[in-house]
Amino acid sequence: MKIIIGSDHAGYPMKEKVKAHLVDQGIHTEDVGTHSEESVDYTDFAKKVASRVSDGTIDRGILICGTGLGMSMVANRFRGVRATLVNDLFSAIMSRRHNDSNILVMGGRLIGDALALQLVDTWLETPFEGGRHQRRLEKIDIE
């Protein structure tokens, strides 16, 4: 599996911890920035991650900003992207089981690092159930 990760300045500290966690697990991780806490526009990094997931060159993505709201809005504008803002374990599980989420979005100012790592692990380990949920996913993309 290949993961692409990006953040803005508010999500940068958490992104660095999540990235190290993924690398420690042997997961191929591409970091598209930002690379400091200097103020940047979240939109630029959400687009970098979402475009690569949308075109199929990367399996899944992770985005982190202050609240996760802006990143979610931008990422979900890309065809085939199902970005889900997750702040608890149940949402992480359900985002995969029922929605086949391919981008995990977290709010670096809302959750702690320990929970973020649990969310990442849970999200990566939870399979999509398919079945009736697949039919619903096929109705998401609008021409």
N, C-alpha and C. Protein backbone atom coordinates (compact mmCIF):
# COMPACT_ATOMS: atom_id res chain seq x y z
N MET A 1 0.83 -1.18 0.00
CA MET A 1 0.00 0.00 0.00
C MET A 1 0.88 1.24 0.00
N LYS A 2 0.45 2.24 -0.76
CA LYS A 2 1.15 3.52 -0.79
C LYS A 2 0.24 4.58 -0.18
N ILE A 3 0.81 5.39 0.70
CA ILE A 3 0.10 6.46 1.38
C ILE A 3 0.74 7.78 1.00
N ILE A 4 -0.09 8.77 0.71
CA ILE A 4 0.40 10.13 0.50
C ILE A 4 -0.14 10.97 1.65
N ILE A 5 0.70 11.81 2.22
CA ILE A 5 0.31 12.59 3.39
C ILE A 5 0.64 14.05 3.17
N GLY A 6 -0.25 14.91 3.64
CA GLY A 6 -0.04 16.34 3.53
C GLY A 6 -0.71 17.08 4.67
N SER A 7 -0.23 18.28 4.93
CA SER A 7 -0.81 19.10 5.99
C SER A 7 -0.55 20.56 5.69
N ASP A 8 -1.27 21.40 6.42
CA ASP A 8 -0.90 22.80 6.45
C ASP A 8 -0.05 23.04 7.69
N HIS A 9 0.19 24.29 8.00
CA HIS A 9 1.05 24.62 9.15
C HIS A 9 0.46 24.15 10.47
N ALA A 10 -0.88 24.20 10.60
CA ALA A 10 -1.52 23.78 11.85
C ALA A 10 -1.43 22.27 12.05
N GLY A 11 -1.39 21.53 10.97
CA GLY A 11 -1.30 20.08 11.06
C GLY A 11 0.10 19.53 10.98
N TYR A 12 1.08 20.40 10.74
CA TYR A 12 2.46 19.95 10.53
C TYR A 12 3.02 19.10 11.67
N PRO A 13 2.91 19.52 12.94
CA PRO A 13 3.50 18.67 13.99
C PRO A 13 2.89 17.26 14.02
N MET A 14 1.58 17.17 13.86
CA MET A 14 0.93 15.86 13.87
C MET A 14 1.32 15.05 12.63
N LYS A 15 1.42 15.72 11.50
CA LYS A 15 1.81 15.02 10.27
C LYS A 15 3.17 14.35 10.44
N GLU A 16 4.08 15.03 11.05
CA GLU A 16 5.42 14.46 11.25
C GLU A 16 5.36 13.20 12.12
N LYS A 17 4.52 13.21 13.14
CA LYS A 17 4.38 12.03 14.00
C LYS A 17 3.69 10.89 13.26
N VAL A 18 2.66 11.20 12.51
CA VAL A 18 1.95 10.17 11.74
C VAL A 18 2.87 9.58 10.69
N LYS A 19 3.61 10.43 10.00
CA LYS A 19 4.53 9.95 8.97
C LYS A 19 5.58 9.00 9.56
N ALA A 20 6.16 9.37 10.68
CA ALA A 20 7.16 8.50 11.34
C ALA A 20 6.52 7.18 11.73
N HIS A 21 5.29 7.22 12.22
CA HIS A 21 4.57 6.01 12.61
C HIS A 21 4.37 5.09 11.41
N LEU A 22 3.99 5.65 10.28
CA LEU A 22 3.77 4.85 9.08
C LEU A 22 5.08 4.23 8.58
N VAL A 23 6.12 5.04 8.56
CA VAL A 23 7.43 4.56 8.10
C VAL A 23 7.93 3.44 9.01
N ASP A 24 7.73 3.59 10.31
CA ASP A 24 8.13 2.55 11.27
C ASP A 24 7.42 1.23 11.00
N GLN A 25 6.22 1.30 10.42
CA GLN A 25 5.46 0.10 10.09
C GLN A 25 5.80 -0.43 8.70
N GLY A 26 6.72 0.22 8.02
CA GLY A 26 7.13 -0.22 6.71
C GLY A 26 6.17 0.16 5.59
N ILE A 27 5.33 1.16 5.84
CA ILE A 27 4.37 1.60 4.84
C ILE A 27 5.01 2.70 3.99
N HIS A 28 5.00 2.49 2.67
CA HIS A 28 5.53 3.49 1.75
C HIS A 28 4.74 4.77 1.90
N THR A 29 5.40 5.85 2.30
CA THR A 29 4.73 7.11 2.60
C THR A 29 5.39 8.25 1.84
N GLU A 30 4.58 8.96 1.05
CA GLU A 30 5.05 10.13 0.32
C GLU A 30 4.53 11.38 1.00
N ASP A 31 5.42 12.27 1.40
CA ASP A 31 5.07 13.50 2.10
C ASP A 31 5.12 14.66 1.11
N VAL A 32 3.96 15.32 0.89
CA VAL A 32 3.91 16.44 -0.05
C VAL A 32 3.91 17.79 0.66
N GLY A 33 4.22 17.78 1.96
CA GLY A 33 4.33 19.03 2.68
C GLY A 33 3.09 19.35 3.49
N THR A 34 3.15 20.41 4.13
CA THR A 34 4.15 21.42 4.27
C THR A 34 5.28 20.88 5.15
N HIS A 35 6.38 21.61 5.17
CA HIS A 35 7.55 21.11 5.88
C HIS A 35 7.99 22.01 7.03
N SER A 36 7.05 22.83 7.51
CA SER A 36 7.33 23.68 8.67
C SER A 36 6.01 24.22 9.21
N GLU A 37 6.09 25.00 10.27
CA GLU A 37 4.90 25.61 10.84
C GLU A 37 4.66 27.02 10.31
N GLU A 38 5.39 27.38 9.25
CA GLU A 38 5.15 28.68 8.61
C GLU A 38 3.81 28.64 7.88
N SER A 39 3.04 29.70 8.00
CA SER A 39 1.69 29.76 7.46
C SER A 39 1.64 29.47 5.95
N VAL A 40 0.75 28.55 5.57
CA VAL A 40 0.53 28.18 4.17
C VAL A 40 -0.97 28.02 3.96
N ASP A 41 -1.38 27.85 2.71
CA ASP A 41 -2.79 27.63 2.38
C ASP A 41 -3.08 26.13 2.34
N TYR A 42 -4.02 25.70 3.17
CA TYR A 42 -4.38 24.27 3.25
C TYR A 42 -4.82 23.73 1.90
N THR A 43 -5.42 24.57 1.10
CA THR A 43 -5.94 24.13 -0.20
C THR A 43 -4.86 23.52 -1.08
N ASP A 44 -3.67 24.09 -1.06
CA ASP A 44 -2.59 23.60 -1.91
C ASP A 44 -2.22 22.16 -1.59
N PHE A 45 -2.22 21.81 -0.31
CA PHE A 45 -1.80 20.48 0.10
C PHE A 45 -2.94 19.47 -0.03
N ALA A 46 -4.15 19.92 0.19
CA ALA A 46 -5.30 19.04 -0.03
C ALA A 46 -5.38 18.65 -1.51
N LYS A 47 -5.13 19.59 -2.39
CA LYS A 47 -5.16 19.30 -3.83
C LYS A 47 -4.07 18.32 -4.23
N LYS A 48 -2.88 18.47 -3.66
CA LYS A 48 -1.78 17.55 -3.99
C LYS A 48 -2.14 16.12 -3.62
N VAL A 49 -2.69 15.94 -2.44
CA VAL A 49 -3.04 14.59 -1.97
C VAL A 49 -4.24 14.06 -2.75
N ALA A 50 -5.30 14.83 -2.85
CA ALA A 50 -6.53 14.36 -3.47
C ALA A 50 -6.35 14.05 -4.95
N SER A 51 -5.54 14.82 -5.65
CA SER A 51 -5.34 14.56 -7.08
C SER A 51 -4.65 13.23 -7.31
N ARG A 52 -3.72 12.87 -6.44
CA ARG A 52 -2.99 11.60 -6.60
C ARG A 52 -3.86 10.41 -6.23
N VAL A 53 -4.75 10.57 -5.27
CA VAL A 53 -5.69 9.49 -4.94
C VAL A 53 -6.73 9.39 -6.05
N SER A 54 -7.19 10.52 -6.54
CA SER A 54 -8.20 10.54 -7.59
C SER A 54 -7.73 9.87 -8.87
N ASP A 55 -6.47 10.10 -9.25
CA ASP A 55 -5.99 9.50 -10.51
C ASP A 55 -5.47 8.08 -10.34
N GLY A 56 -5.50 7.57 -9.11
CA GLY A 56 -5.14 6.18 -8.86
C GLY A 56 -3.66 5.89 -8.73
N THR A 57 -2.83 6.92 -8.72
CA THR A 57 -1.39 6.68 -8.59
C THR A 57 -0.99 6.36 -7.15
N ILE A 58 -1.85 6.71 -6.21
CA ILE A 58 -1.63 6.43 -4.79
C ILE A 58 -2.89 5.77 -4.24
N ASP A 59 -2.71 4.78 -3.36
CA ASP A 59 -3.85 4.04 -2.81
C ASP A 59 -4.72 4.86 -1.88
N ARG A 60 -4.08 5.48 -0.90
CA ARG A 60 -4.82 6.24 0.11
C ARG A 60 -4.02 7.46 0.55
N GLY A 61 -4.75 8.43 1.11
CA GLY A 61 -4.12 9.64 1.58
C GLY A 61 -4.52 10.00 2.99
N ILE A 62 -3.69 10.84 3.59
CA ILE A 62 -3.97 11.39 4.92
C ILE A 62 -3.73 12.89 4.84
N LEU A 63 -4.71 13.65 5.34
CA LEU A 63 -4.61 15.11 5.38
C LEU A 63 -4.82 15.59 6.81
N ILE A 64 -4.05 16.58 7.21
CA ILE A 64 -4.17 17.13 8.56
C ILE A 64 -4.07 18.64 8.49
N CYS A 65 -5.09 19.31 9.00
CA CYS A 65 -5.04 20.76 9.17
C CYS A 65 -5.54 21.07 10.57
N GLY A 66 -5.86 22.31 10.87
CA GLY A 66 -6.28 22.67 12.22
C GLY A 66 -7.52 21.93 12.67
N THR A 67 -8.59 21.99 11.86
CA THR A 67 -9.84 21.31 12.21
C THR A 67 -10.15 20.12 11.32
N GLY A 68 -9.55 20.06 10.15
CA GLY A 68 -9.86 19.04 9.17
C GLY A 68 -10.98 19.44 8.23
N LEU A 69 -11.69 20.49 8.54
CA LEU A 69 -12.84 20.91 7.74
C LEU A 69 -12.44 21.38 6.35
N GLY A 70 -11.49 22.29 6.27
CA GLY A 70 -11.07 22.81 4.97
C GLY A 70 -10.50 21.73 4.08
N MET A 71 -9.64 20.91 4.63
CA MET A 71 -9.04 19.82 3.86
C MET A 71 -10.12 18.89 3.31
N SER A 72 -11.11 18.57 4.12
CA SER A 72 -12.20 17.69 3.69
C SER A 72 -12.96 18.29 2.52
N MET A 73 -13.28 19.57 2.62
CA MET A 73 -14.04 20.22 1.56
C MET A 73 -13.29 20.20 0.24
N VAL A 74 -12.01 20.51 0.27
CA VAL A 74 -11.21 20.52 -0.95
C VAL A 74 -11.06 19.12 -1.53
N ALA A 75 -10.68 18.17 -0.71
CA ALA A 75 -10.41 16.81 -1.20
C ALA A 75 -11.64 16.18 -1.83
N ASN A 76 -12.80 16.41 -1.26
CA ASN A 76 -14.01 15.77 -1.78
C ASN A 76 -14.51 16.37 -3.09
N ARG A 77 -13.85 17.37 -3.58
CA ARG A 77 -14.20 17.91 -4.90
C ARG A 77 -13.58 17.09 -6.04
N PHE A 78 -12.67 16.20 -5.70
CA PHE A 78 -11.99 15.38 -6.70
C PHE A 78 -12.77 14.09 -6.94
N ARG A 79 -12.92 13.74 -8.20
CA ARG A 79 -13.66 12.55 -8.60
C ARG A 79 -13.05 11.29 -7.97
N GLY A 80 -13.89 10.47 -7.39
CA GLY A 80 -13.44 9.21 -6.81
C GLY A 80 -12.86 9.32 -5.41
N VAL A 81 -12.75 10.54 -4.91
CA VAL A 81 -12.20 10.73 -3.56
C VAL A 81 -13.34 10.67 -2.55
N ARG A 82 -13.08 9.92 -1.50
CA ARG A 82 -14.01 9.83 -0.38
C ARG A 82 -13.22 10.17 0.89
N ALA A 83 -13.06 11.48 1.09
CA ALA A 83 -12.30 11.98 2.25
C ALA A 83 -13.24 12.09 3.44
N THR A 84 -12.82 11.53 4.55
CA THR A 84 -13.66 11.55 5.74
C THR A 84 -12.91 12.17 6.91
N LEU A 85 -13.56 13.15 7.52
CA LEU A 85 -13.02 13.80 8.71
C LEU A 85 -13.35 12.92 9.90
N VAL A 86 -12.31 12.48 10.60
CA VAL A 86 -12.49 11.51 11.68
C VAL A 86 -11.83 12.03 12.95
N ASN A 87 -12.61 11.99 14.04
CA ASN A 87 -12.11 12.41 15.34
C ASN A 87 -12.31 11.35 16.42
N ASP A 88 -12.84 10.17 16.05
CA ASP A 88 -13.08 9.10 17.01
C ASP A 88 -12.96 7.75 16.31
N LEU A 89 -12.74 6.70 17.08
CA LEU A 89 -12.50 5.38 16.52
C LEU A 89 -13.70 4.81 15.76
N PHE A 90 -14.91 5.04 16.27
CA PHE A 90 -16.09 4.52 15.59
C PHE A 90 -16.20 5.11 14.19
N SER A 91 -15.98 6.41 14.06
CA SER A 91 -16.04 7.04 12.74
C SER A 91 -14.95 6.51 11.81
N ALA A 92 -13.77 6.25 12.35
CA ALA A 92 -12.69 5.69 11.53
C ALA A 92 -13.09 4.32 10.98
N ILE A 93 -13.68 3.50 11.82
CA ILE A 93 -14.12 2.17 11.40
C ILE A 93 -15.22 2.28 10.35
N MET A 94 -16.25 3.07 10.64
CA MET A 94 -17.39 3.16 9.73
C MET A 94 -17.03 3.83 8.41
N SER A 95 -16.07 4.76 8.45
CA SER A 95 -15.65 5.42 7.21
C SER A 95 -15.05 4.42 6.22
N ARG A 96 -14.47 3.37 6.75
CA ARG A 96 -13.92 2.32 5.90
C ARG A 96 -14.97 1.25 5.59
N ARG A 97 -15.65 0.73 6.60
CA ARG A 97 -16.62 -0.35 6.39
C ARG A 97 -17.72 0.01 5.41
N HIS A 98 -18.30 1.17 5.59
CA HIS A 98 -19.48 1.54 4.80
C HIS A 98 -19.19 2.52 3.67
N ASN A 99 -18.11 3.30 3.79
CA ASN A 99 -17.85 4.36 2.81
C ASN A 99 -16.58 4.17 2.01
N ASP A 100 -15.82 3.12 2.29
CA ASP A 100 -14.56 2.87 1.58
C ASP A 100 -13.71 4.14 1.47
N SER A 101 -13.61 4.86 2.58
CA SER A 101 -12.86 6.10 2.62
C SER A 101 -11.44 5.87 2.09
N ASN A 102 -11.00 6.77 1.21
CA ASN A 102 -9.64 6.65 0.69
C ASN A 102 -8.73 7.81 1.12
N ILE A 103 -9.30 8.78 1.80
CA ILE A 103 -8.49 9.83 2.43
C ILE A 103 -9.00 10.05 3.84
N LEU A 104 -8.10 9.91 4.79
CA LEU A 104 -8.39 10.17 6.20
C LEU A 104 -8.01 11.62 6.48
N VAL A 105 -8.93 12.37 7.07
CA VAL A 105 -8.68 13.76 7.42
C VAL A 105 -8.81 13.90 8.93
N MET A 106 -7.84 14.60 9.53
CA MET A 106 -7.86 14.80 10.98
C MET A 106 -7.57 16.26 11.30
N GLY A 107 -8.10 16.70 12.43
CA GLY A 107 -7.86 18.05 12.92
C GLY A 107 -6.76 18.07 13.96
N GLY A 108 -5.62 18.59 13.58
CA GLY A 108 -4.47 18.62 14.48
C GLY A 108 -4.67 19.44 15.73
N ARG A 109 -5.62 20.38 15.69
CA ARG A 109 -5.90 21.20 16.87
C ARG A 109 -7.05 20.63 17.70
N LEU A 110 -7.63 19.52 17.23
CA LEU A 110 -8.79 18.95 17.91
C LEU A 110 -8.50 17.65 18.65
N ILE A 111 -7.55 16.89 18.16
CA ILE A 111 -7.26 15.59 18.77
C ILE A 111 -5.78 15.52 19.13
N GLY A 112 -5.46 14.64 20.05
CA GLY A 112 -4.07 14.45 20.46
C GLY A 112 -3.34 13.47 19.55
N ASP A 113 -2.05 13.46 19.69
CA ASP A 113 -1.21 12.61 18.85
C ASP A 113 -1.49 11.12 19.06
N ALA A 114 -1.70 10.70 20.31
CA ALA A 114 -1.95 9.28 20.58
C ALA A 114 -3.23 8.82 19.88
N LEU A 115 -4.28 9.62 19.96
CA LEU A 115 -5.53 9.27 19.27
C LEU A 115 -5.32 9.29 17.76
N ALA A 116 -4.59 10.25 17.26
CA ALA A 116 -4.34 10.31 15.82
C ALA A 116 -3.70 9.02 15.31
N LEU A 117 -2.73 8.51 16.04
CA LEU A 117 -2.07 7.27 15.62
C LEU A 117 -3.02 6.08 15.69
N GLN A 118 -3.88 6.04 16.70
CA GLN A 118 -4.90 4.99 16.78
C GLN A 118 -5.87 5.09 15.61
N LEU A 119 -6.26 6.31 15.25
CA LEU A 119 -7.18 6.50 14.13
C LEU A 119 -6.55 6.03 12.83
N VAL A 120 -5.30 6.36 12.63
CA VAL A 120 -4.59 5.93 11.41
C VAL A 120 -4.55 4.41 11.34
N ASP A 121 -4.14 3.76 12.42
CA ASP A 121 -4.05 2.30 12.43
C ASP A 121 -5.41 1.66 12.17
N THR A 122 -6.42 2.15 12.85
CA THR A 122 -7.77 1.60 12.70
C THR A 122 -8.26 1.79 11.27
N TRP A 123 -8.07 2.97 10.72
CA TRP A 123 -8.50 3.28 9.36
C TRP A 123 -7.78 2.40 8.34
N LEU A 124 -6.50 2.18 8.54
CA LEU A 124 -5.74 1.35 7.60
C LEU A 124 -6.12 -0.13 7.70
N GLU A 125 -6.47 -0.59 8.88
CA GLU A 125 -6.75 -2.01 9.11
C GLU A 125 -8.19 -2.42 8.81
N THR A 126 -9.10 -1.48 8.75
CA THR A 126 -10.51 -1.80 8.58
C THR A 126 -10.85 -1.98 7.11
N PRO A 127 -11.41 -3.13 6.74
CA PRO A 127 -11.76 -3.37 5.33
C PRO A 127 -13.12 -2.77 4.97
N PHE A 128 -13.33 -2.56 3.70
CA PHE A 128 -14.62 -2.13 3.16
C PHE A 128 -15.52 -3.36 3.06
N GLU A 129 -16.77 -3.25 3.50
CA GLU A 129 -17.69 -4.38 3.49
C GLU A 129 -18.30 -4.67 2.13
N GLY A 130 -18.32 -3.70 1.24
CA GLY A 130 -18.91 -3.92 -0.08
C GLY A 130 -20.42 -4.12 0.02
N GLY A 131 -20.94 -5.01 -0.84
CA GLY A 131 -22.37 -5.31 -0.82
C GLY A 131 -23.21 -4.08 -1.08
N ARG A 132 -24.21 -3.87 -0.25
CA ARG A 132 -25.12 -2.74 -0.45
C ARG A 132 -24.40 -1.40 -0.39
N HIS A 133 -23.28 -1.37 0.30
CA HIS A 133 -22.51 -0.13 0.41
C HIS A 133 -21.85 0.23 -0.92
N GLN A 134 -21.45 -0.76 -1.70
CA GLN A 134 -20.85 -0.50 -3.01
C GLN A 134 -21.85 0.23 -3.91
N ARG A 135 -23.08 -0.21 -3.91
CA ARG A 135 -24.11 0.42 -4.73
C ARG A 135 -24.25 1.90 -4.37
N ARG A 136 -24.17 2.19 -3.10
CA ARG A 136 -24.29 3.58 -2.64
C ARG A 136 -23.09 4.42 -3.07
N LEU A 137 -21.92 3.82 -3.01
CA LEU A 137 -20.72 4.56 -3.44
C LEU A 137 -20.80 4.92 -4.92
N GLU A 138 -21.35 4.03 -5.71
CA GLU A 138 -21.45 4.29 -7.14
C GLU A 138 -22.37 5.46 -7.46
N LYS A 139 -23.18 5.87 -6.51
CA LYS A 139 -24.09 7.01 -6.70
C LYS A 139 -23.47 8.35 -6.28
N ILE A 140 -22.27 8.31 -5.76
CA ILE A 140 -21.65 9.54 -5.24
C ILE A 140 -21.20 10.47 -6.36
N ASP A 141 -20.40 9.97 -7.28
CA ASP A 141 -19.86 10.84 -8.32
C ASP A 141 -20.95 11.34 -9.24
N ILE A 142 -20.98 12.63 -9.42
CA ILE A 142 -21.97 13.28 -10.27
C ILE A 142 -21.26 13.77 -11.52
N GLU A 143 -21.86 13.52 -12.64
CA GLU A 143 -21.26 13.95 -13.92
C GLU A 143 -21.24 15.45 -14.03
